[in-house]
Amino acid sequence: FKDEWSKVFHYKVENVRTGNGFQLDIDKIPEHLFFHDGDKRP
C-alpha cells in the first residue's frame, strides 16, 4: 500500500470550478489508482 501511495505524489491534480463547486479533474489522475472494472470510469 505504501508503495502505491507514494506514486500518488508523482501526479498533478487540478481543481476545476463548476456550478456545484470544485471538482477534481480525474483526467489528471492515472487510471491504475482507481478500483474499478475498467469500463465504468468515473
All heavy atoms as atom14 arrays in JSON, in Angstrom:
{
  "sequence": "FKDEWSKVFHYKVENVRTGNGFQLDIDKIPEHLFFHDGDKRP",
  "atom14_mask": [
    [1, 1, 1, 1, 1, 1, 1, 1, 1, 1, 1, 0, 0, 0],
    [1, 1, 1, 1, 1, 1, 1, 1, 1, 0, 0, 0, 0, 0],
    [1, 1, 1, 1, 1, 1, 1, 1, 0, 0, 0, 0, 0, 0],
    [1, 1, 1, 1, 1, 1, 1, 1, 1, 0, 0, 0, 0, 0],
    [1, 1, 1, 1, 1, 1, 1, 1, 1, 1, 1, 1, 1, 1],
    [1, 1, 1, 1, 1, 1, 0, 0, 0, 0, 0, 0, 0, 0],
    [1, 1, 1, 1, 1, 1, 1, 1, 1, 0, 0, 0, 0, 0],
    [1, 1, 1, 1, 1, 1, 1, 0, 0, 0, 0, 0, 0, 0],
    [1, 1, 1, 1, 1, 1, 1, 1, 1, 1, 1, 0, 0, 0],
    [1, 1, 1, 1, 1, 1, 1, 1, 1, 1, 0, 0, 0, 0],
    [1, 1, 1, 1, 1, 1, 1, 1, 1, 1, 1, 1, 0, 0],
    [1, 1, 1, 1, 1, 1, 1, 1, 1, 0, 0, 0, 0, 0],
    [1, 1, 1, 1, 1, 1, 1, 0, 0, 0, 0, 0, 0, 0],
    [1, 1, 1, 1, 1, 1, 1, 1, 1, 0, 0, 0, 0, 0],
    [1, 1, 1, 1, 1, 1, 1, 1, 0, 0, 0, 0, 0, 0],
    [1, 1, 1, 1, 1, 1, 1, 0, 0, 0, 0, 0, 0, 0],
    [1, 1, 1, 1, 1, 1, 1, 1, 1, 1, 1, 0, 0, 0],
    [1, 1, 1, 1, 1, 1, 1, 0, 0, 0, 0, 0, 0, 0],
    [1, 1, 1, 1, 0, 0, 0, 0, 0, 0, 0, 0, 0, 0],
    [1, 1, 1, 1, 1, 1, 1, 1, 0, 0, 0, 0, 0, 0],
    [1, 1, 1, 1, 0, 0, 0, 0, 0, 0, 0, 0, 0, 0],
    [1, 1, 1, 1, 1, 1, 1, 1, 1, 1, 1, 0, 0, 0],
    [1, 1, 1, 1, 1, 1, 1, 1, 1, 0, 0, 0, 0, 0],
    [1, 1, 1, 1, 1, 1, 1, 1, 0, 0, 0, 0, 0, 0],
    [1, 1, 1, 1, 1, 1, 1, 1, 0, 0, 0, 0, 0, 0],
    [1, 1, 1, 1, 1, 1, 1, 1, 0, 0, 0, 0, 0, 0],
    [1, 1, 1, 1, 1, 1, 1, 1, 0, 0, 0, 0, 0, 0],
    [1, 1, 1, 1, 1, 1, 1, 1, 1, 0, 0, 0, 0, 0],
    [1, 1, 1, 1, 1, 1, 1, 1, 0, 0, 0, 0, 0, 0],
    [1, 1, 1, 1, 1, 1, 1, 0, 0, 0, 0, 0, 0, 0],
    [1, 1, 1, 1, 1, 1, 1, 1, 1, 0, 0, 0, 0, 0],
    [1, 1, 1, 1, 1, 1, 1, 1, 1, 1, 0, 0, 0, 0],
    [1, 1, 1, 1, 1, 1, 1, 1, 0, 0, 0, 0, 0, 0],
    [1, 1, 1, 1, 1, 1, 1, 1, 1, 1, 1, 0, 0, 0],
    [1, 1, 1, 1, 1, 1, 1, 1, 1, 1, 1, 0, 0, 0],
    [1, 1, 1, 1, 1, 1, 1, 1, 1, 1, 0, 0, 0, 0],
    [1, 1, 1, 1, 1, 1, 1, 1, 0, 0, 0, 0, 0, 0],
    [1, 1, 1, 1, 0, 0, 0, 0, 0, 0, 0, 0, 0, 0],
    [1, 1, 1, 1, 1, 1, 1, 1, 0, 0, 0, 0, 0, 0],
    [1, 1, 1, 1, 1, 1, 1, 1, 1, 0, 0, 0, 0, 0],
    [1, 1, 1, 1, 1, 1, 1, 1, 1, 1, 1, 0, 0, 0],
    [1, 1, 1, 1, 1, 1, 1, 0, 0, 0, 0, 0, 0, 0]
  ],
  "atom14_positions": [
    [[0.83, -1.2, 0.0], [0.0, 0.0, 0.0], [0.87, 1.26, 0.0], [0.61, 2.21, -0.73], [-0.92, 0.0, 1.22], [-1.79, 1.23, 1.32], [-3.01, 1.28, 0.68], [-1.35, 2.34, 2.03], [-3.8, 2.43, 0.76], [-2.12, 3.48, 2.11], [-3.36, 3.53, 1.48], [0.0, 0.0, 0.0], [0.0, 0.0, 0.0], [0.0, 0.0, 0.0]],
    [[1.91, 1.23, 0.8], [2.81, 2.38, 0.91], [3.47, 2.69, -0.43], [3.6, 3.86, -0.82], [3.87, 2.11, 1.98], [4.77, 3.29, 2.27], [5.77, 2.95, 3.37], [6.71, 4.11, 3.65], [7.7, 3.78, 4.71], [0.0, 0.0, 0.0], [0.0, 0.0, 0.0], [0.0, 0.0, 0.0], [0.0, 0.0, 0.0], [0.0, 0.0, 0.0]],
    [[3.88, 1.66, -1.14], [4.5, 1.86, -2.46], [3.52, 2.51, -3.43], [3.88, 3.42, -4.19], [4.98, 0.52, -3.03], [6.19, -0.02, -2.29], [6.86, 0.77, -1.6], [6.45, -1.24, -2.4], [0.0, 0.0, 0.0], [0.0, 0.0, 0.0], [0.0, 0.0, 0.0], [0.0, 0.0, 0.0], [0.0, 0.0, 0.0], [0.0, 0.0, 0.0]],
    [[2.27, 2.03, -3.42], [1.25, 2.61, -4.3], [0.94, 4.05, -3.9], [0.78, 4.93, -4.75], [-0.02, 1.76, -4.26], [0.1, 0.42, -4.96], [0.31, 0.57, -6.45], [-0.36, 1.42, -7.08], [1.18, -0.14, -6.99], [0.0, 0.0, 0.0], [0.0, 0.0, 0.0], [0.0, 0.0, 0.0], [0.0, 0.0, 0.0], [0.0, 0.0, 0.0]],
    [[0.84, 4.27, -2.58], [0.51, 5.61, -2.1], [1.59, 6.63, -2.47], [1.3, 7.78, -2.8], [0.33, 5.56, -0.58], [0.02, 6.88, 0.07], [0.8, 7.56, 0.95], [-1.14, 7.69, -0.14], [0.19, 8.75, 1.32], [-1.0, 8.84, 0.67], [-2.28, 7.54, -0.92], [-1.97, 9.85, 0.7], [-3.24, 8.55, -0.89], [-3.08, 9.68, -0.08]],
    [[2.85, 6.2, -2.45], [3.94, 7.12, -2.78], [3.86, 7.57, -4.24], [4.32, 8.67, -4.59], [5.29, 6.45, -2.52], [5.5, 5.35, -3.41], [0.0, 0.0, 0.0], [0.0, 0.0, 0.0], [0.0, 0.0, 0.0], [0.0, 0.0, 0.0], [0.0, 0.0, 0.0], [0.0, 0.0, 0.0], [0.0, 0.0, 0.0], [0.0, 0.0, 0.0]],
    [[3.27, 6.75, -5.1], [3.16, 7.11, -6.53], [2.16, 8.23, -6.76], [2.21, 8.92, -7.79], [2.77, 5.88, -7.34], [3.8, 4.77, -7.32], [3.28, 3.53, -8.04], [4.28, 2.38, -7.92], [3.76, 1.13, -8.53], [0.0, 0.0, 0.0], [0.0, 0.0, 0.0], [0.0, 0.0, 0.0], [0.0, 0.0, 0.0], [0.0, 0.0, 0.0]],
    [[1.24, 8.4, -5.82], [0.22, 9.45, -5.98], [0.88, 10.81, -6.11], [0.42, 11.68, -6.88], [-0.75, 9.44, -4.77], [-1.69, 10.64, -4.82], [-1.54, 8.14, -4.75], [0.0, 0.0, 0.0], [0.0, 0.0, 0.0], [0.0, 0.0, 0.0], [0.0, 0.0, 0.0], [0.0, 0.0, 0.0], [0.0, 0.0, 0.0], [0.0, 0.0, 0.0]],
    [[1.97, 11.02, -5.4], [2.61, 12.33, -5.37], [3.43, 12.63, -6.62], [4.02, 13.69, -6.74], [3.48, 12.44, -4.12], [2.7, 12.22, -2.85], [2.78, 11.0, -2.18], [1.85, 13.19, -2.36], [2.06, 10.78, -1.02], [1.11, 12.97, -1.2], [1.21, 11.76, -0.53], [0.0, 0.0, 0.0], [0.0, 0.0, 0.0], [0.0, 0.0, 0.0]],
    [[3.45, 11.67, -7.55], [4.15, 11.91, -8.81], [3.23, 12.57, -9.84], [3.65, 12.87, -10.94], [4.68, 10.59, -9.39], [5.71, 9.95, -8.52], [6.13, 8.66, -8.72], [6.4, 10.39, -7.45], [7.04, 8.34, -7.81], [7.22, 9.38, -7.03], [0.0, 0.0, 0.0], [0.0, 0.0, 0.0], [0.0, 0.0, 0.0], [0.0, 0.0, 0.0]],
    [[1.96, 12.77, -9.48], [0.99, 13.29, -10.43], [0.38, 14.6, -9.93], [0.31, 14.85, -8.73], [-0.13, 12.27, -10.66], [0.36, 10.97, -11.23], [0.72, 9.92, -10.41], [0.49, 10.82, -12.61], [1.2, 8.73, -10.94], [0.97, 9.64, -13.15], [1.31, 8.59, -12.31], [1.78, 7.42, -12.83], [0.0, 0.0, 0.0], [0.0, 0.0, 0.0]],
    [[-0.05, 15.38, -10.85], [-0.63, 16.68, -10.52], [-2.15, 16.58, -10.63], [-2.68, 16.1, -11.62], [-0.1, 17.74, -11.5], [-0.65, 19.14, -11.24], [-0.09, 20.12, -12.27], [-0.64, 21.52, -12.03], [-0.14, 22.46, -13.07], [0.0, 0.0, 0.0], [0.0, 0.0, 0.0], [0.0, 0.0, 0.0], [0.0, 0.0, 0.0], [0.0, 0.0, 0.0]],
    [[-2.82, 17.05, -9.58], [-4.28, 17.06, -9.58], [-4.73, 18.52, -9.6], [-4.29, 19.33, -8.76], [-4.85, 16.35, -8.33], [-6.36, 16.38, -8.35], [-4.35, 14.91, -8.28], [0.0, 0.0, 0.0], [0.0, 0.0, 0.0], [0.0, 0.0, 0.0], [0.0, 0.0, 0.0], [0.0, 0.0, 0.0], [0.0, 0.0, 0.0], [0.0, 0.0, 0.0]],
    [[-5.59, 18.88, -10.54], [-6.04, 20.25, -10.66], [-7.51, 20.37, -10.29], [-8.32, 19.49, -10.62], [-5.83, 20.74, -12.09], [-4.36, 20.78, -12.52], [-4.2, 21.28, -13.94], [-5.24, 21.55, -14.6], [-3.05, 21.38, -14.4], [0.0, 0.0, 0.0], [0.0, 0.0, 0.0], [0.0, 0.0, 0.0], [0.0, 0.0, 0.0], [0.0, 0.0, 0.0]],
    [[-7.86, 21.45, -9.62], [-9.25, 21.74, -9.31], [-9.92, 22.4, -10.51], [-9.34, 23.27, -11.16], [-9.35, 22.68, -8.1], [-9.08, 21.96, -6.8], [-9.36, 20.77, -6.68], [-8.53, 22.67, -5.82], [0.0, 0.0, 0.0], [0.0, 0.0, 0.0], [0.0, 0.0, 0.0], [0.0, 0.0, 0.0], [0.0, 0.0, 0.0], [0.0, 0.0, 0.0]],
    [[-11.12, 21.98, -10.78], [-11.9, 22.54, -11.88], [-13.17, 23.14, -11.29], [-13.94, 22.44, -10.63], [-12.25, 21.47, -12.93], [-13.1, 22.07, -14.04], [-10.98, 20.86, -13.5], [0.0, 0.0, 0.0], [0.0, 0.0, 0.0], [0.0, 0.0, 0.0], [0.0, 0.0, 0.0], [0.0, 0.0, 0.0], [0.0, 0.0, 0.0], [0.0, 0.0, 0.0]],
    [[-13.38, 24.43, -11.52], [-14.56, 25.08, -10.95], [-15.8, 24.75, -11.78], [-15.79, 24.83, -13.01], [-14.37, 26.59, -10.9], [-15.52, 27.34, -10.24], [-15.27, 28.84, -10.29], [-14.18, 29.23, -9.42], [-14.34, 29.46, -8.11], [-15.53, 29.3, -7.54], [-13.32, 29.83, -7.38], [0.0, 0.0, 0.0], [0.0, 0.0, 0.0], [0.0, 0.0, 0.0]],
    [[-16.86, 24.33, -11.11], [-18.13, 24.03, -11.77], [-19.24, 24.79, -11.05], [-19.01, 25.46, -10.04], [-18.44, 22.53, -11.73], [-18.71, 22.15, -10.38], [-17.29, 21.72, -12.28], [0.0, 0.0, 0.0], [0.0, 0.0, 0.0], [0.0, 0.0, 0.0], [0.0, 0.0, 0.0], [0.0, 0.0, 0.0], [0.0, 0.0, 0.0], [0.0, 0.0, 0.0]],
    [[-20.45, 24.64, -11.54], [-21.58, 25.3, -10.91], [-21.85, 24.81, -9.51], [-22.42, 25.52, -8.67], [0.0, 0.0, 0.0], [0.0, 0.0, 0.0], [0.0, 0.0, 0.0], [0.0, 0.0, 0.0], [0.0, 0.0, 0.0], [0.0, 0.0, 0.0], [0.0, 0.0, 0.0], [0.0, 0.0, 0.0], [0.0, 0.0, 0.0], [0.0, 0.0, 0.0]],
    [[-21.44, 23.58, -9.22], [-21.68, 22.99, -7.9], [-20.49, 23.13, -6.96], [-20.47, 22.56, -5.88], [-22.03, 21.51, -8.04], [-23.3, 21.31, -8.84], [-24.22, 22.09, -8.73], [-23.33, 20.26, -9.66], [0.0, 0.0, 0.0], [0.0, 0.0, 0.0], [0.0, 0.0, 0.0], [0.0, 0.0, 0.0], [0.0, 0.0, 0.0], [0.0, 0.0, 0.0]],
    [[-19.47, 23.85, -7.38], [-18.29, 23.98, -6.52], [-17.05, 23.45, -7.23], [-16.97, 23.45, -8.46], [0.0, 0.0, 0.0], [0.0, 0.0, 0.0], [0.0, 0.0, 0.0], [0.0, 0.0, 0.0], [0.0, 0.0, 0.0], [0.0, 0.0, 0.0], [0.0, 0.0, 0.0], [0.0, 0.0, 0.0], [0.0, 0.0, 0.0], [0.0, 0.0, 0.0]],
    [[-16.08, 22.99, -6.46], [-14.83, 22.47, -7.03], [-14.91, 20.96, -7.2], [-15.49, 20.25, -6.38], [-13.65, 22.81, -6.13], [-13.25, 24.25, -6.2], [-13.64, 25.13, -5.21], [-12.5, 24.73, -7.27], [-13.28, 26.47, -5.27], [-12.12, 26.06, -7.33], [-12.52, 26.94, -6.33], [0.0, 0.0, 0.0], [0.0, 0.0, 0.0], [0.0, 0.0, 0.0]],
    [[-14.33, 20.45, -8.27], [-14.24, 19.02, -8.5], [-12.82, 18.7, -8.97], [-12.15, 19.53, -9.58], [-15.25, 18.57, -9.56], [-16.71, 18.75, -9.11], [-17.66, 18.35, -10.21], [-17.44, 18.65, -11.38], [-18.72, 17.67, -9.85], [0.0, 0.0, 0.0], [0.0, 0.0, 0.0], [0.0, 0.0, 0.0], [0.0, 0.0, 0.0], [0.0, 0.0, 0.0]],
    [[-12.39, 17.48, -8.67], [-11.07, 17.04, -9.15], [-11.16, 16.7, -10.63], [-12.12, 16.1, -11.08], [-10.61, 15.81, -8.38], [-10.26, 16.0, -6.91], [-9.86, 14.65, -6.32], [-9.13, 16.99, -6.74], [0.0, 0.0, 0.0], [0.0, 0.0, 0.0], [0.0, 0.0, 0.0], [0.0, 0.0, 0.0], [0.0, 0.0, 0.0], [0.0, 0.0, 0.0]],
    [[-10.15, 17.09, -11.36], [-10.06, 16.72, -12.76], [-9.47, 15.32, -12.84], [-8.27, 15.12, -12.74], [-9.17, 17.7, -13.51], [-9.16, 17.42, -15.02], [-9.72, 16.38, -15.42], [-8.6, 18.23, -15.76], [0.0, 0.0, 0.0], [0.0, 0.0, 0.0], [0.0, 0.0, 0.0], [0.0, 0.0, 0.0], [0.0, 0.0, 0.0], [0.0, 0.0, 0.0]],
    [[-10.33, 14.3, -13.02], [-9.91, 12.9, -12.97], [-8.97, 12.55, -14.12], [-8.16, 11.65, -14.02], [-11.14, 11.98, -12.99], [-12.0, 12.26, -11.78], [-10.72, 10.51, -13.0], [-11.28, 12.1, -10.47], [0.0, 0.0, 0.0], [0.0, 0.0, 0.0], [0.0, 0.0, 0.0], [0.0, 0.0, 0.0], [0.0, 0.0, 0.0], [0.0, 0.0, 0.0]],
    [[-9.04, 13.32, -15.21], [-8.15, 13.01, -16.33], [-6.68, 13.23, -15.97], [-5.8, 12.74, -16.66], [-8.51, 13.89, -17.53], [-9.82, 13.47, -18.16], [-10.1, 12.26, -18.12], [-10.56, 14.34, -18.65], [0.0, 0.0, 0.0], [0.0, 0.0, 0.0], [0.0, 0.0, 0.0], [0.0, 0.0, 0.0], [0.0, 0.0, 0.0], [0.0, 0.0, 0.0]],
    [[-6.43, 13.93, -14.87], [-5.05, 14.15, -14.45], [-4.54, 13.03, -13.56], [-3.39, 13.01, -13.16], [-4.94, 15.48, -13.68], [-5.39, 16.7, -14.47], [-4.48, 16.98, -15.64], [-4.92, 18.25, -16.38], [-4.07, 18.53, -17.54], [0.0, 0.0, 0.0], [0.0, 0.0, 0.0], [0.0, 0.0, 0.0], [0.0, 0.0, 0.0], [0.0, 0.0, 0.0]],
    [[-5.44, 12.11, -13.19], [-5.06, 11.03, -12.28], [-4.95, 9.73, -13.06], [-5.87, 9.38, -13.81], [-6.1, 10.87, -11.15], [-6.3, 12.21, -10.43], [-5.67, 9.8, -10.17], [-7.36, 12.18, -9.36], [0.0, 0.0, 0.0], [0.0, 0.0, 0.0], [0.0, 0.0, 0.0], [0.0, 0.0, 0.0], [0.0, 0.0, 0.0], [0.0, 0.0, 0.0]],
    [[-3.86, 8.99, -12.93], [-3.71, 7.72, -13.67], [-4.77, 6.71, -13.27], [-5.14, 6.6, -12.11], [-2.31, 7.24, -13.29], [-2.02, 7.91, -11.99], [-2.71, 9.23, -12.04], [0.0, 0.0, 0.0], [0.0, 0.0, 0.0], [0.0, 0.0, 0.0], [0.0, 0.0, 0.0], [0.0, 0.0, 0.0], [0.0, 0.0, 0.0], [0.0, 0.0, 0.0]],
    [[-5.26, 5.95, -14.25], [-6.39, 5.07, -14.0], [-6.07, 3.92, -13.06], [-6.96, 3.37, -12.43], [-6.91, 4.49, -15.33], [-7.5, 5.56, -16.22], [-8.32, 4.95, -17.35], [-9.04, 3.98, -17.07], [-8.22, 5.42, -18.47], [0.0, 0.0, 0.0], [0.0, 0.0, 0.0], [0.0, 0.0, 0.0], [0.0, 0.0, 0.0], [0.0, 0.0, 0.0]],
    [[-4.78, 3.53, -12.93], [-4.48, 2.39, -12.07], [-4.72, 2.69, -10.6], [-4.7, 1.79, -9.77], [-3.03, 1.93, -12.29], [-2.01, 2.81, -11.63], [-1.49, 3.92, -12.24], [-1.44, 2.73, -10.41], [-0.62, 4.49, -11.43], [-0.57, 3.8, -10.3], [0.0, 0.0, 0.0], [0.0, 0.0, 0.0], [0.0, 0.0, 0.0], [0.0, 0.0, 0.0]],
    [[-4.97, 3.98, -10.26], [-5.24, 4.33, -8.88], [-6.7, 4.09, -8.5], [-7.07, 4.22, -7.35], [-4.87, 5.79, -8.61], [-3.39, 6.13, -8.78], [-3.15, 7.61, -8.52], [-2.54, 5.29, -7.84], [0.0, 0.0, 0.0], [0.0, 0.0, 0.0], [0.0, 0.0, 0.0], [0.0, 0.0, 0.0], [0.0, 0.0, 0.0], [0.0, 0.0, 0.0]],
    [[-7.54, 3.78, -9.5], [-8.94, 3.53, -9.22], [-9.19, 2.04, -9.09], [-8.59, 1.22, -9.78], [-9.84, 4.07, -10.35], [-9.88, 5.57, -10.4], [-9.19, 6.26, -11.38], [-10.58, 6.29, -9.45], [-9.21, 7.63, -11.42], [-10.61, 7.67, -9.49], [-9.93, 8.34, -10.48], [0.0, 0.0, 0.0], [0.0, 0.0, 0.0], [0.0, 0.0, 0.0]],
    [[-10.11, 1.65, -8.21], [-10.52, 0.27, -8.08], [-11.83, 0.12, -8.86], [-12.92, 0.34, -8.33], [-10.72, -0.12, -6.61], [-9.46, -0.08, -5.83], [-9.04, 1.04, -5.15], [-8.66, -1.21, -5.79], [-7.86, 1.07, -4.45], [-7.48, -1.2, -5.07], [-7.09, -0.05, -4.41], [0.0, 0.0, 0.0], [0.0, 0.0, 0.0], [0.0, 0.0, 0.0]],
    [[-11.72, -0.21, -10.12], [-12.92, -0.35, -10.95], [-12.66, -1.43, -11.99], [-11.57, -1.97, -12.1], [-13.3, 0.98, -11.6], [-12.22, 1.53, -12.5], [-12.08, 1.16, -13.8], [-11.21, 2.42, -12.25], [-11.06, 1.79, -14.34], [-10.52, 2.55, -13.42], [0.0, 0.0, 0.0], [0.0, 0.0, 0.0], [0.0, 0.0, 0.0], [0.0, 0.0, 0.0]],
    [[-13.69, -1.73, -12.77], [-13.59, -2.84, -13.7], [-13.06, -2.44, -15.06], [-13.02, -3.24, -15.98], [-14.96, -3.53, -13.87], [-16.01, -2.57, -14.42], [-15.65, -1.42, -14.76], [-17.19, -2.97, -14.5], [0.0, 0.0, 0.0], [0.0, 0.0, 0.0], [0.0, 0.0, 0.0], [0.0, 0.0, 0.0], [0.0, 0.0, 0.0], [0.0, 0.0, 0.0]],
    [[-12.63, -1.18, -15.2], [-12.07, -0.76, -16.48], [-13.08, -0.16, -17.43], [-12.74, 0.48, -18.4], [0.0, 0.0, 0.0], [0.0, 0.0, 0.0], [0.0, 0.0, 0.0], [0.0, 0.0, 0.0], [0.0, 0.0, 0.0], [0.0, 0.0, 0.0], [0.0, 0.0, 0.0], [0.0, 0.0, 0.0], [0.0, 0.0, 0.0], [0.0, 0.0, 0.0]],
    [[-14.37, -0.36, -17.16], [-15.41, 0.15, -18.04], [-16.11, 1.39, -17.46], [-16.41, 2.33, -18.17], [-16.46, -0.93, -18.31], [-15.91, -2.03, -19.18], [-15.04, -1.75, -20.02], [-16.37, -3.17, -19.03], [0.0, 0.0, 0.0], [0.0, 0.0, 0.0], [0.0, 0.0, 0.0], [0.0, 0.0, 0.0], [0.0, 0.0, 0.0], [0.0, 0.0, 0.0]],
    [[-16.36, 1.35, -16.17], [-17.14, 2.41, -15.53], [-16.2, 3.43, -14.9], [-16.1, 3.55, -13.7], [-18.09, 1.81, -14.49], [-19.05, 0.82, -15.1], [-19.9, 0.15, -14.03], [-20.84, -0.87, -14.64], [-21.65, -1.57, -13.58], [0.0, 0.0, 0.0], [0.0, 0.0, 0.0], [0.0, 0.0, 0.0], [0.0, 0.0, 0.0], [0.0, 0.0, 0.0]],
    [[-15.49, 4.16, -15.72], [-14.52, 5.13, -15.23], [-15.25, 6.38, -14.76], [-15.98, 7.0, -15.52], [-13.55, 5.48, -16.34], [-12.44, 6.45, -15.93], [-11.44, 6.57, -17.06], [-10.35, 7.43, -16.68], [-10.3, 8.72, -16.99], [-11.29, 9.26, -17.66], [-9.25, 9.46, -16.61], [0.0, 0.0, 0.0], [0.0, 0.0, 0.0], [0.0, 0.0, 0.0]],
    [[-15.08, 6.81, -13.5], [-15.77, 8.0, -13.02], [-15.26, 9.24, -13.75], [-14.09, 9.35, -14.08], [-15.39, 8.05, -11.54], [-14.11, 7.3, -11.44], [-14.21, 6.2, -12.47], [0.0, 0.0, 0.0], [0.0, 0.0, 0.0], [0.0, 0.0, 0.0], [0.0, 0.0, 0.0], [0.0, 0.0, 0.0], [0.0, 0.0, 0.0], [0.0, 0.0, 0.0]]
  ]
}
